[in-house]
Amino acid sequence: MASDLLLVLTATSLLRMRIGPRLWRAIHWAGYLCWPVAMAHGLGIGTDHGKGWVLVLTFACAGAVIMSATYRVVQLIPARRLAR
């Protein structure tokens, strides 16, 4: 399911000018579903969930997402202070 969502996101990114910004944005907000679905798959639903490399990859991805989100929030703080 996560890979299907990723394919939809890729296709709509390529067709962004044809589908319009409102529909594109709505579809891409749904992209936030990709990550928890992939995490659930890696941690317990997938056939390889007991393998060490799957756990390492899953937690590495979680770390990357947490670091990216933290960076994004830290970058927004000065911009909000300037806007006041």
PDB file of N, CA and C in Angstrom:
ATOM      1  N   MET A   1       0.815  -1.179   0.000  1.00  0.00           N
ATOM      2  CA  MET A   1       0.000   0.000   0.000  1.00  0.00           C
ATOM      3  C   MET A   1       0.875   1.266   0.000  1.00  0.00           C
ATOM      4  N   ALA A   2       1.947   1.244   0.788  1.00  0.00           N
ATOM      5  CA  ALA A   2       2.831   2.406   0.821  1.00  0.00           C
ATOM      6  C   ALA A   2       3.484   2.629  -0.535  1.00  0.00           C
ATOM      7  N   SER A   3       3.890   1.553  -1.190  1.00  0.00           N
ATOM      8  CA  SER A   3       4.518   1.719  -2.502  1.00  0.00           C
ATOM      9  C   SER A   3       3.504   2.194  -3.546  1.00  0.00           C
ATOM     10  N   ASP A   4       2.258   1.765  -3.415  1.00  0.00           N
ATOM     11  CA  ASP A   4       1.214   2.263  -4.322  1.00  0.00           C
ATOM     12  C   ASP A   4       1.001   3.758  -4.123  1.00  0.00           C
ATOM     13  N   LEU A   5       0.973   4.189  -2.866  1.00  0.00           N
ATOM     14  CA  LEU A   5       0.844   5.620  -2.588  1.00  0.00           C
ATOM     15  C   LEU A   5       2.031   6.393  -3.145  1.00  0.00           C
ATOM     16  N   LEU A   6       3.216   5.815  -3.030  1.00  0.00           N
ATOM     17  CA  LEU A   6       4.410   6.469  -3.561  1.00  0.00           C
ATOM     18  C   LEU A   6       4.335   6.609  -5.077  1.00  0.00           C
ATOM     19  N   LEU A   7       3.818   5.592  -5.744  1.00  0.00           N
ATOM     20  CA  LEU A   7       3.650   5.677  -7.201  1.00  0.00           C
ATOM     21  C   LEU A   7       2.655   6.767  -7.578  1.00  0.00           C
ATOM     22  N   VAL A   8       1.571   6.878  -6.825  1.00  0.00           N
ATOM     23  CA  VAL A   8       0.584   7.933  -7.083  1.00  0.00           C
ATOM     24  C   VAL A   8       1.222   9.309  -6.887  1.00  0.00           C
ATOM     25  N   LEU A   9       2.006   9.459  -5.837  1.00  0.00           N
ATOM     26  CA  LEU A   9       2.672  10.736  -5.590  1.00  0.00           C
ATOM     27  C   LEU A   9       3.642  11.091  -6.710  1.00  0.00           C
ATOM     28  N   THR A  10       4.362  10.105  -7.187  1.00  0.00           N
ATOM     29  CA  THR A  10       5.299  10.343  -8.280  1.00  0.00           C
ATOM     30  C   THR A  10       4.555  10.736  -9.558  1.00  0.00           C
ATOM     31  N   ALA A  11       3.501  10.015  -9.868  1.00  0.00           N
ATOM     32  CA  ALA A  11       2.730  10.311 -11.084  1.00  0.00           C
ATOM     33  C   ALA A  11       2.109  11.698 -11.012  1.00  0.00           C
ATOM     34  N   THR A  12       1.556  12.054  -9.868  1.00  0.00           N
ATOM     35  CA  THR A  12       0.929  13.373  -9.761  1.00  0.00           C
ATOM     36  C   THR A  12       1.963  14.491  -9.769  1.00  0.00           C
ATOM     37  N   SER A  13       3.167  14.209  -9.294  1.00  0.00           N
ATOM     38  CA  SER A  13       4.223  15.218  -9.382  1.00  0.00           C
ATOM     39  C   SER A  13       4.593  15.477 -10.837  1.00  0.00           C
ATOM     40  N   LEU A  14       4.611  14.420 -11.629  1.00  0.00           N
ATOM     41  CA  LEU A  14       4.915  14.586 -13.052  1.00  0.00           C
ATOM     42  C   LEU A  14       3.788  15.294 -13.797  1.00  0.00           C
ATOM     43  N   LEU A  15       2.575  15.161 -13.287  1.00  0.00           N
ATOM     44  CA  LEU A  15       1.407  15.768 -13.930  1.00  0.00           C
ATOM     45  C   LEU A  15       0.922  17.025 -13.213  1.00  0.00           C
ATOM     46  N   ARG A  16       1.743  17.592 -12.388  1.00  0.00           N
ATOM     47  CA  ARG A  16       1.331  18.706 -11.532  1.00  0.00           C
ATOM     48  C   ARG A  16       0.702  19.855 -12.312  1.00  0.00           C
ATOM     49  N   MET A  17       1.281  20.224 -13.427  1.00  0.00           N
ATOM     50  CA  MET A  17       0.755  21.352 -14.205  1.00  0.00           C
ATOM     51  C   MET A  17      -0.604  21.041 -14.838  1.00  0.00           C
ATOM     52  N   ARG A  18      -0.885  19.781 -15.058  1.00  0.00           N
ATOM     53  CA  ARG A  18      -2.145  19.399 -15.695  1.00  0.00           C
ATOM     54  C   ARG A  18      -3.290  19.213 -14.703  1.00  0.00           C
ATOM     55  N   ILE A  19      -2.983  18.828 -13.467  1.00  0.00           N
ATOM     56  CA  ILE A  19      -4.060  18.548 -12.521  1.00  0.00           C
ATOM     57  C   ILE A  19      -4.382  19.736 -11.617  1.00  0.00           C
ATOM     58  N   GLY A  20      -3.551  20.733 -11.595  1.00  0.00           N
ATOM     59  CA  GLY A  20      -3.806  21.915 -10.791  1.00  0.00           C
ATOM     60  C   GLY A  20      -3.250  21.806  -9.382  1.00  0.00           C
ATOM     61  N   PRO A  21      -2.946  22.950  -8.792  1.00  0.00           N
ATOM     62  CA  PRO A  21      -2.287  22.945  -7.483  1.00  0.00           C
ATOM     63  C   PRO A  21      -3.166  22.444  -6.334  1.00  0.00           C
ATOM     64  N   ARG A  22      -4.465  22.692  -6.397  1.00  0.00           N
ATOM     65  CA  ARG A  22      -5.346  22.275  -5.301  1.00  0.00           C
ATOM     66  C   ARG A  22      -5.434  20.748  -5.188  1.00  0.00           C
ATOM     67  N   LEU A  23      -5.653  20.067  -6.310  1.00  0.00           N
ATOM     68  CA  LEU A  23      -5.719  18.609  -6.312  1.00  0.00           C
ATOM     69  C   LEU A  23      -4.357  18.009  -5.987  1.00  0.00           C
ATOM     70  N   TRP A  24      -3.310  18.607  -6.558  1.00  0.00           N
ATOM     71  CA  TRP A  24      -1.962  18.125  -6.291  1.00  0.00           C
ATOM     72  C   TRP A  24      -1.653  18.186  -4.798  1.00  0.00           C
ATOM     73  N   ARG A  25      -1.974  19.302  -4.159  1.00  0.00           N
ATOM     74  CA  ARG A  25      -1.708  19.462  -2.728  1.00  0.00           C
ATOM     75  C   ARG A  25      -2.501  18.452  -1.903  1.00  0.00           C
ATOM     76  N   ALA A  26      -3.763  18.227  -2.248  1.00  0.00           N
ATOM     77  CA  ALA A  26      -4.591  17.255  -1.517  1.00  0.00           C
ATOM     78  C   ALA A  26      -3.998  15.850  -1.614  1.00  0.00           C
ATOM     79  N   ILE A  27      -3.564  15.486  -2.800  1.00  0.00           N
ATOM     80  CA  ILE A  27      -2.969  14.160  -2.998  1.00  0.00           C
ATOM     81  C   ILE A  27      -1.661  14.050  -2.218  1.00  0.00           C
ATOM     82  N   HIS A  28      -0.882  15.100  -2.217  1.00  0.00           N
ATOM     83  CA  HIS A  28       0.406  15.038  -1.532  1.00  0.00           C
ATOM     84  C   HIS A  28       0.272  15.069  -0.017  1.00  0.00           C
ATOM     85  N   TRP A  29      -0.789  15.638   0.497  1.00  0.00           N
ATOM     86  CA  TRP A  29      -1.048  15.521   1.938  1.00  0.00           C
ATOM     87  C   TRP A  29      -1.316  14.060   2.279  1.00  0.00           C
ATOM     88  N   ALA A  30      -1.939  13.339   1.378  1.00  0.00           N
ATOM     89  CA  ALA A  30      -2.169  11.908   1.594  1.00  0.00           C
ATOM     90  C   ALA A  30      -0.849  11.139   1.605  1.00  0.00           C
ATOM     91  N   GLY A  31       0.186  11.731   1.061  1.00  0.00           N
ATOM     92  CA  GLY A  31       1.505  11.102   1.060  1.00  0.00           C
ATOM     93  C   GLY A  31       2.059  10.869   2.452  1.00  0.00           C
ATOM     94  N   TYR A  32       1.573  11.630   3.403  1.00  0.00           N
ATOM     95  CA  TYR A  32       2.014  11.406   4.779  1.00  0.00           C
ATOM     96  C   TYR A  32       1.561  10.038   5.294  1.00  0.00           C
ATOM     97  N   LEU A  33       0.645   9.404   4.603  1.00  0.00           N
ATOM     98  CA  LEU A  33       0.221   8.053   4.968  1.00  0.00           C
ATOM     99  C   LEU A  33       1.269   7.002   4.581  1.00  0.00           C
ATOM    100  N   CYS A  34       2.097   7.324   3.606  1.00  0.00           N
ATOM    101  CA  CYS A  34       3.114   6.364   3.149  1.00  0.00           C
ATOM    102  C   CYS A  34       4.021   5.916   4.278  1.00  0.00           C
ATOM    103  N   TRP A  35       4.477   6.860   5.064  1.00  0.00           N
ATOM    104  CA  TRP A  35       5.480   6.530   6.060  1.00  0.00           C
ATOM    105  C   TRP A  35       4.942   5.620   7.167  1.00  0.00           C
ATOM    106  N   PRO A  36       3.805   5.941   7.816  1.00  0.00           N
ATOM    107  CA  PRO A  36       3.347   5.021   8.859  1.00  0.00           C
ATOM    108  C   PRO A  36       2.959   3.647   8.316  1.00  0.00           C
ATOM    109  N   VAL A  37       2.452   3.592   7.100  1.00  0.00           N
ATOM    110  CA  VAL A  37       2.110   2.296   6.513  1.00  0.00           C
ATOM    111  C   VAL A  37       3.377   1.482   6.283  1.00  0.00           C
ATOM    112  N   ALA A  38       4.411   2.113   5.764  1.00  0.00           N
ATOM    113  CA  ALA A  38       5.674   1.414   5.544  1.00  0.00           C
ATOM    114  C   ALA A  38       6.309   0.998   6.870  1.00  0.00           C
ATOM    115  N   MET A  39       6.203   1.840   7.887  1.00  0.00           N
ATOM    116  CA  MET A  39       6.743   1.495   9.210  1.00  0.00           C
ATOM    117  C   MET A  39       6.011   0.286   9.800  1.00  0.00           C
ATOM    118  N   ALA A  40       4.696   0.279   9.714  1.00  0.00           N
ATOM    119  CA  ALA A  40       3.918  -0.852  10.229  1.00  0.00           C
ATOM    120  C   ALA A  40       4.301  -2.132   9.490  1.00  0.00           C
ATOM    121  N   HIS A  41       4.482  -2.015   8.207  1.00  0.00           N
ATOM    122  CA  HIS A  41       4.884  -3.166   7.408  1.00  0.00           C
ATOM    123  C   HIS A  41       6.250  -3.687   7.860  1.00  0.00           C
ATOM    124  N   GLY A  42       7.194  -2.774   8.037  1.00  0.00           N
ATOM    125  CA  GLY A  42       8.539  -3.183   8.424  1.00  0.00           C
ATOM    126  C   GLY A  42       8.620  -3.749   9.826  1.00  0.00           C
ATOM    127  N   LEU A  43       7.783  -3.267  10.720  1.00  0.00           N
ATOM    128  CA  LEU A  43       7.871  -3.695  12.114  1.00  0.00           C
ATOM    129  C   LEU A  43       7.065  -4.937  12.454  1.00  0.00           C
ATOM    130  N   GLY A  44       6.053  -5.274  11.649  1.00  0.00           N
ATOM    131  CA  GLY A  44       5.286  -6.420  12.087  1.00  0.00           C
ATOM    132  C   GLY A  44       4.416  -7.109  11.070  1.00  0.00           C
ATOM    133  N   ILE A  45       4.169  -6.472   9.956  1.00  0.00           N
ATOM    134  CA  ILE A  45       3.248  -7.064   8.998  1.00  0.00           C
ATOM    135  C   ILE A  45       3.990  -7.830   7.896  1.00  0.00           C
ATOM    136  N   GLY A  46       5.162  -7.353   7.536  1.00  0.00           N
ATOM    137  CA  GLY A  46       5.903  -7.954   6.439  1.00  0.00           C
ATOM    138  C   GLY A  46       6.449  -9.341   6.763  1.00  0.00           C
ATOM    139  N   THR A  47       6.758 -10.088   5.747  1.00  0.00           N
ATOM    140  CA  THR A  47       7.263 -11.450   5.937  1.00  0.00           C
ATOM    141  C   THR A  47       8.679 -11.459   6.509  1.00  0.00           C
ATOM    142  N   ASP A  48       9.412 -10.365   6.350  1.00  0.00           N
ATOM    143  CA  ASP A  48      10.790 -10.286   6.847  1.00  0.00           C
ATOM    144  C   ASP A  48      10.902  -9.530   8.168  1.00  0.00           C
ATOM    145  N   HIS A  49       9.806  -9.295   8.839  1.00  0.00           N
ATOM    146  CA  HIS A  49       9.825  -8.422  10.013  1.00  0.00           C
ATOM    147  C   HIS A  49      10.731  -8.909  11.138  1.00  0.00           C
ATOM    148  N   GLY A  50      11.068 -10.164  11.186  1.00  0.00           N
ATOM    149  CA  GLY A  50      11.933 -10.683  12.235  1.00  0.00           C
ATOM    150  C   GLY A  50      13.415 -10.581  11.923  1.00  0.00           C
ATOM    151  N   LYS A  51      13.747 -10.204  10.728  1.00  0.00           N
ATOM    152  CA  LYS A  51      15.143 -10.118  10.296  1.00  0.00           C
ATOM    153  C   LYS A  51      15.791  -8.844  10.857  1.00  0.00           C
ATOM    154  N   GLY A  52      17.041  -8.974  11.247  1.00  0.00           N
ATOM    155  CA  GLY A  52      17.764  -7.845  11.823  1.00  0.00           C
ATOM    156  C   GLY A  52      17.919  -6.677  10.867  1.00  0.00           C
ATOM    157  N   TRP A  53      18.196  -6.973   9.596  1.00  0.00           N
ATOM    158  CA  TRP A  53      18.417  -5.890   8.644  1.00  0.00           C
ATOM    159  C   TRP A  53      17.148  -5.079   8.417  1.00  0.00           C
ATOM    160  N   VAL A  54      15.974  -5.713   8.547  1.00  0.00           N
ATOM    161  CA  VAL A  54      14.716  -4.979   8.376  1.00  0.00           C
ATOM    162  C   VAL A  54      14.524  -4.010   9.537  1.00  0.00           C
ATOM    163  N   LEU A  55      14.833  -4.466  10.742  1.00  0.00           N
ATOM    164  CA  LEU A  55      14.720  -3.579  11.904  1.00  0.00           C
ATOM    165  C   LEU A  55      15.692  -2.408  11.805  1.00  0.00           C
ATOM    166  N   VAL A  56      16.920  -2.690  11.384  1.00  0.00           N
ATOM    167  CA  VAL A  56      17.910  -1.622  11.232  1.00  0.00           C
ATOM    168  C   VAL A  56      17.433  -0.610  10.195  1.00  0.00           C
ATOM    169  N   LEU A  57      16.965  -1.082   9.066  1.00  0.00           N
ATOM    170  CA  LEU A  57      16.477  -0.198   8.013  1.00  0.00           C
ATOM    171  C   LEU A  57      15.258   0.602   8.473  1.00  0.00           C
ATOM    172  N   THR A  58      14.337  -0.037   9.168  1.00  0.00           N
ATOM    173  CA  THR A  58      13.141   0.634   9.658  1.00  0.00           C
ATOM    174  C   THR A  58      13.501   1.738  10.640  1.00  0.00           C
ATOM    175  N   PHE A  59      14.379   1.437  11.590  1.00  0.00           N
ATOM    176  CA  PHE A  59      14.767   2.452  12.569  1.00  0.00           C
ATOM    177  C   PHE A  59      15.650   3.538  11.960  1.00  0.00           C
ATOM    178  N   ALA A  60      16.430   3.211  10.955  1.00  0.00           N
ATOM    179  CA  ALA A  60      17.206   4.233  10.247  1.00  0.00           C
ATOM    180  C   ALA A  60      16.273   5.197   9.524  1.00  0.00           C
ATOM    181  N   CYS A  61      15.239   4.662   8.917  1.00  0.00           N
ATOM    182  CA  CYS A  61      14.255   5.513   8.249  1.00  0.00           C
ATOM    183  C   CYS A  61      13.512   6.388   9.258  1.00  0.00           C
ATOM    184  N   ALA A  62      13.162   5.807  10.387  1.00  0.00           N
ATOM    185  CA  ALA A  62      12.491   6.582  11.442  1.00  0.00           C
ATOM    186  C   ALA A  62      13.401   7.707  11.919  1.00  0.00           C
ATOM    187  N   GLY A  63      14.677   7.407  12.103  1.00  0.00           N
ATOM    188  CA  GLY A  63      15.628   8.436  12.513  1.00  0.00           C
ATOM    189  C   GLY A  63      15.753   9.544  11.482  1.00  0.00           C
ATOM    190  N   ALA A  64      15.783   9.176  10.209  1.00  0.00           N
ATOM    191  CA  ALA A  64      15.877  10.179   9.144  1.00  0.00           C
ATOM    192  C   ALA A  64      14.648  11.086   9.129  1.00  0.00           C
ATOM    193  N   VAL A  65      13.478  10.514   9.322  1.00  0.00           N
ATOM    194  CA  VAL A  65      12.251  11.313   9.336  1.00  0.00           C
ATOM    195  C   VAL A  65      12.229  12.233  10.552  1.00  0.00           C
ATOM    196  N   ILE A  66      12.617  11.726  11.700  1.00  0.00           N
ATOM    197  CA  ILE A  66      12.643  12.552  12.911  1.00  0.00           C
ATOM    198  C   ILE A  66      13.653  13.687  12.769  1.00  0.00           C
ATOM    199  N   MET A  67      14.826  13.394  12.226  1.00  0.00           N
ATOM    200  CA  MET A  67      15.827  14.441  12.027  1.00  0.00           C
ATOM    201  C   MET A  67      15.353  15.487  11.020  1.00  0.00           C
ATOM    202  N   SER A  68      14.715  15.037   9.943  1.00  0.00           N
ATOM    203  CA  SER A  68      14.208  15.976   8.939  1.00  0.00           C
ATOM    204  C   SER A  68      13.106  16.866   9.504  1.00  0.00           C
ATOM    205  N   ALA A  69      12.205  16.270  10.272  1.00  0.00           N
ATOM    206  CA  ALA A  69      11.122  17.046  10.879  1.00  0.00           C
ATOM    207  C   ALA A  69      11.674  18.050  11.884  1.00  0.00           C
ATOM    208  N   THR A  70      12.657  17.640  12.666  1.00  0.00           N
ATOM    209  CA  THR A  70      13.278  18.542  13.638  1.00  0.00           C
ATOM    210  C   THR A  70      13.967  19.700  12.926  1.00  0.00           C
ATOM    211  N   TYR A  71      14.685  19.407  11.875  1.00  0.00           N
ATOM    212  CA  TYR A  71      15.346  20.455  11.095  1.00  0.00           C
ATOM    213  C   TYR A  71      14.334  21.447  10.544  1.00  0.00           C
ATOM    214  N   ARG A  72      13.253  20.924  10.029  1.00  0.00           N
ATOM    215  CA  ARG A  72      12.212  21.783   9.459  1.00  0.00           C
ATOM    216  C   ARG A  72      11.605  22.701  10.511  1.00  0.00           C
ATOM    217  N   VAL A  73      11.315  22.157  11.676  1.00  0.00           N
ATOM    218  CA  VAL A  73      10.731  22.962  12.756  1.00  0.00           C
ATOM    219  C   VAL A  73      11.723  24.022  13.228  1.00  0.00           C
ATOM    220  N   VAL A  74      12.990  23.645  13.369  1.00  0.00           N
ATOM    221  CA  VAL A  74      14.002  24.601  13.811  1.00  0.00           C
ATOM    222  C   VAL A  74      14.161  25.725  12.786  1.00  0.00           C
ATOM    223  N   GLN A  75      14.060  25.414  11.518  1.00  0.00           N
ATOM    224  CA  GLN A  75      14.163  26.436  10.472  1.00  0.00           C
ATOM    225  C   GLN A  75      12.968  27.383  10.482  1.00  0.00           C
ATOM    226  N   LEU A  76      11.798  26.909  10.901  1.00  0.00           N
ATOM    227  CA  LEU A  76      10.601  27.749  10.918  1.00  0.00           C
ATOM    228  C   LEU A  76      10.574  28.714  12.095  1.00  0.00           C
ATOM    229  N   ILE A  77      11.246  28.389  13.181  1.00  0.00           N
ATOM    230  CA  ILE A  77      11.189  29.235  14.383  1.00  0.00           C
ATOM    231  C   ILE A  77      11.701  30.652  14.116  1.00  0.00           C
ATOM    232  N   PRO A  78      12.896  30.839  13.520  1.00  0.00           N
ATOM    233  CA  PRO A  78      13.330  32.220  13.252  1.00  0.00           C
ATOM    234  C   PRO A  78      12.411  32.953  12.280  1.00  0.00           C
ATOM    235  N   ALA A  79      11.855  32.259  11.318  1.00  0.00           N
ATOM    236  CA  ALA A  79      10.966  32.908  10.344  1.00  0.00           C
ATOM    237  C   ALA A  79       9.700  33.421  11.023  1.00  0.00           C
ATOM    238  N   ARG A  80       9.188  32.696  11.987  1.00  0.00           N
ATOM    239  CA  ARG A  80       7.999  33.137  12.712  1.00  0.00           C
ATOM    240  C   ARG A  80       8.317  34.341  13.590  1.00  0.00           C
ATOM    241  N   ARG A  81       9.499  34.367  14.190  1.00  0.00           N
ATOM    242  CA  ARG A  81       9.878  35.503  15.020  1.00  0.00           C
ATOM    243  C   ARG A  81       9.993  36.761  14.178  1.00  0.00           C
ATOM    244  N   LEU A  82      10.540  36.650  12.979  1.00  0.00           N
ATOM    245  CA  LEU A  82      10.672  37.798  12.095  1.00  0.00           C
ATOM    246  C   LEU A  82       9.318  38.291  11.600  1.00  0.00           C
ATOM    247  N   ALA A  83       8.378  37.366  11.444  1.00  0.00           N
ATOM    248  CA  ALA A  83       7.041  37.733  10.943  1.00  0.00           C
ATOM    249  C   ALA A  83       6.254  38.543  11.967  1.00  0.00           C
ATOM    250  N   ARG A  84       6.595  38.389  13.221  1.00  0.00           N
ATOM    251  CA  ARG A  84       5.885  39.142  14.276  1.00  0.00           C
ATOM    252  C   ARG A  84       6.323  40.534  14.232  1.00  0.00           C
TER     253      ARG A  84
END
